[in-house]
Amino acid sequence: MIFPIYYLLIAYGILMAMAGLFIIFNLYHILMFGLENFKTAFVVLLYLGATLGIAYMSYVLITQFDWSGEIILSDLIRSIIPSIL
């Protein structure tokens, strides 16, 4: 069975969209129910900074890869099984 590598990119995009929903959910609850002081603002900025940093690094790595290739599933399985046994 042969499938294009960009299928993995589609799955990754779906996972990133779900992560985005969780980020929005978390930020809403931190801002609405968190304490209103410097520490809360600092945690929100730290959280957003780390999230944006990870998203940027992910983008940089993804754009360097050639997504036009294909994966042959039977060859992949044959290469994995001997390393397990």
C-alpha atoms as a PDB file:
ATOM      1  CA  MET A   1       0.000   0.000   0.000  1.00  0.00           C
ATOM      2  CA  ILE A   2       1.389   3.391  -1.019  1.00  0.00           C
ATOM      3  CA  PHE A   3       0.266   6.702   0.405  1.00  0.00           C
ATOM      4  CA  PRO A   4       1.583  10.255   0.002  1.00  0.00           C
ATOM      5  CA  ILE A   5       3.599  11.737   2.852  1.00  0.00           C
ATOM      6  CA  TYR A   6       1.422  14.847   2.916  1.00  0.00           C
ATOM      7  CA  TYR A   7      -1.269  12.726   4.621  1.00  0.00           C
ATOM      8  CA  LEU A   8       0.915  13.018   7.717  1.00  0.00           C
ATOM      9  CA  LEU A   9       0.875  16.799   7.292  1.00  0.00           C
ATOM     10  CA  ILE A  10      -2.928  16.774   7.194  1.00  0.00           C
ATOM     11  CA  ALA A  11      -3.054  14.703  10.397  1.00  0.00           C
ATOM     12  CA  TYR A  12      -0.563  17.105  11.993  1.00  0.00           C
ATOM     13  CA  GLY A  13      -2.726  20.064  10.964  1.00  0.00           C
ATOM     14  CA  ILE A  14      -5.767  18.486  12.594  1.00  0.00           C
ATOM     15  CA  LEU A  15      -3.805  17.907  15.805  1.00  0.00           C
ATOM     16  CA  MET A  16      -2.558  21.510  15.755  1.00  0.00           C
ATOM     17  CA  ALA A  17      -6.134  22.778  15.323  1.00  0.00           C
ATOM     18  CA  MET A  18      -7.200  20.730  18.354  1.00  0.00           C
ATOM     19  CA  ALA A  19      -4.234  22.117  20.311  1.00  0.00           C
ATOM     20  CA  GLY A  20      -5.322  25.620  19.285  1.00  0.00           C
ATOM     21  CA  LEU A  21      -8.773  24.995  20.742  1.00  0.00           C
ATOM     22  CA  PHE A  22      -7.212  23.826  24.009  1.00  0.00           C
ATOM     23  CA  ILE A  23      -5.015  26.941  24.084  1.00  0.00           C
ATOM     24  CA  ILE A  24      -8.039  29.200  23.654  1.00  0.00           C
ATOM     25  CA  PHE A  25      -9.902  27.243  26.352  1.00  0.00           C
ATOM     26  CA  ASN A  26      -6.962  27.513  28.763  1.00  0.00           C
ATOM     27  CA  LEU A  27      -6.410  31.216  28.146  1.00  0.00           C
ATOM     28  CA  TYR A  28     -10.093  31.958  28.654  1.00  0.00           C
ATOM     29  CA  HIS A  29     -10.144  30.202  31.998  1.00  0.00           C
ATOM     30  CA  ILE A  30      -6.854  31.722  33.165  1.00  0.00           C
ATOM     31  CA  LEU A  31      -8.011  35.231  32.300  1.00  0.00           C
ATOM     32  CA  MET A  32     -11.573  34.866  33.614  1.00  0.00           C
ATOM     33  CA  PHE A  33     -10.981  32.888  36.788  1.00  0.00           C
ATOM     34  CA  GLY A  34      -7.344  33.591  37.605  1.00  0.00           C
ATOM     35  CA  LEU A  35      -6.199  36.177  40.055  1.00  0.00           C
ATOM     36  CA  GLU A  36      -5.955  39.683  38.651  1.00  0.00           C
ATOM     37  CA  ASN A  37      -2.358  40.557  39.348  1.00  0.00           C
ATOM     38  CA  PHE A  38       1.092  40.549  37.798  1.00  0.00           C
ATOM     39  CA  LYS A  39       1.623  36.821  38.297  1.00  0.00           C
ATOM     40  CA  THR A  40      -1.410  35.894  36.202  1.00  0.00           C
ATOM     41  CA  ALA A  41      -0.342  38.195  33.375  1.00  0.00           C
ATOM     42  CA  PHE A  42       3.184  36.782  33.569  1.00  0.00           C
ATOM     43  CA  VAL A  43       1.910  33.193  33.371  1.00  0.00           C
ATOM     44  CA  VAL A  44      -0.310  34.049  30.388  1.00  0.00           C
ATOM     45  CA  LEU A  45       2.580  35.738  28.565  1.00  0.00           C
ATOM     46  CA  LEU A  46       4.910  32.846  29.395  1.00  0.00           C
ATOM     47  CA  TYR A  47       2.300  30.333  28.173  1.00  0.00           C
ATOM     48  CA  LEU A  48       1.704  32.244  24.934  1.00  0.00           C
ATOM     49  CA  GLY A  49       5.420  32.769  24.363  1.00  0.00           C
ATOM     50  CA  ALA A  50       6.216  29.088  24.804  1.00  0.00           C
ATOM     51  CA  THR A  51       3.298  28.077  22.575  1.00  0.00           C
ATOM     52  CA  LEU A  52       4.245  30.503  19.813  1.00  0.00           C
ATOM     53  CA  GLY A  53       7.902  29.461  20.072  1.00  0.00           C
ATOM     54  CA  ILE A  54       7.011  25.798  19.661  1.00  0.00           C
ATOM     55  CA  ALA A  55       4.659  26.607  16.766  1.00  0.00           C
ATOM     56  CA  TYR A  56       7.397  28.633  15.044  1.00  0.00           C
ATOM     57  CA  MET A  57      10.013  25.882  15.451  1.00  0.00           C
ATOM     58  CA  SER A  58       7.498  23.378  14.139  1.00  0.00           C
ATOM     59  CA  TYR A  59       6.788  25.581  11.109  1.00  0.00           C
ATOM     60  CA  VAL A  60      10.499  25.969  10.353  1.00  0.00           C
ATOM     61  CA  LEU A  61      11.058  22.203  10.482  1.00  0.00           C
ATOM     62  CA  ILE A  62       7.948  21.389   8.436  1.00  0.00           C
ATOM     63  CA  THR A  63       8.812  23.821   5.627  1.00  0.00           C
ATOM     64  CA  GLN A  64      12.241  22.205   5.156  1.00  0.00           C
ATOM     65  CA  PHE A  65      10.763  18.792   4.370  1.00  0.00           C
ATOM     66  CA  ASP A  66       9.783  17.554   0.890  1.00  0.00           C
ATOM     67  CA  TRP A  67       6.123  16.561   1.240  1.00  0.00           C
ATOM     68  CA  SER A  68       5.743  15.269  -2.331  1.00  0.00           C
ATOM     69  CA  GLY A  69       7.180  11.815  -1.592  1.00  0.00           C
ATOM     70  CA  GLU A  70       5.364   8.582  -0.918  1.00  0.00           C
ATOM     71  CA  ILE A  71       5.590   5.914   1.762  1.00  0.00           C
ATOM     72  CA  ILE A  72       5.390   2.263   0.816  1.00  0.00           C
ATOM     73  CA  LEU A  73       3.779   0.700   3.852  1.00  0.00           C
ATOM     74  CA  SER A  74       5.014  -2.857   3.245  1.00  0.00           C
ATOM     75  CA  ASP A  75       8.654  -1.664   3.046  1.00  0.00           C
ATOM     76  CA  LEU A  76       8.194   0.385   6.192  1.00  0.00           C
ATOM     77  CA  ILE A  77       6.821  -2.583   8.116  1.00  0.00           C
ATOM     78  CA  ARG A  78       9.614  -4.861   6.873  1.00  0.00           C
ATOM     79  CA  SER A  79      12.226  -2.347   8.031  1.00  0.00           C
ATOM     80  CA  ILE A  80      10.643  -1.959  11.485  1.00  0.00           C
ATOM     81  CA  ILE A  81      10.004  -5.634  12.337  1.00  0.00           C
ATOM     82  CA  PRO A  82      13.651  -6.828  12.293  1.00  0.00           C
ATOM     83  CA  SER A  83      14.654  -4.004  14.634  1.00  0.00           C
ATOM     84  CA  ILE A  84      11.944  -5.066  17.109  1.00  0.00           C
ATOM     85  CA  LEU A  85      12.925  -8.725  17.057  1.00  0.00           C
END
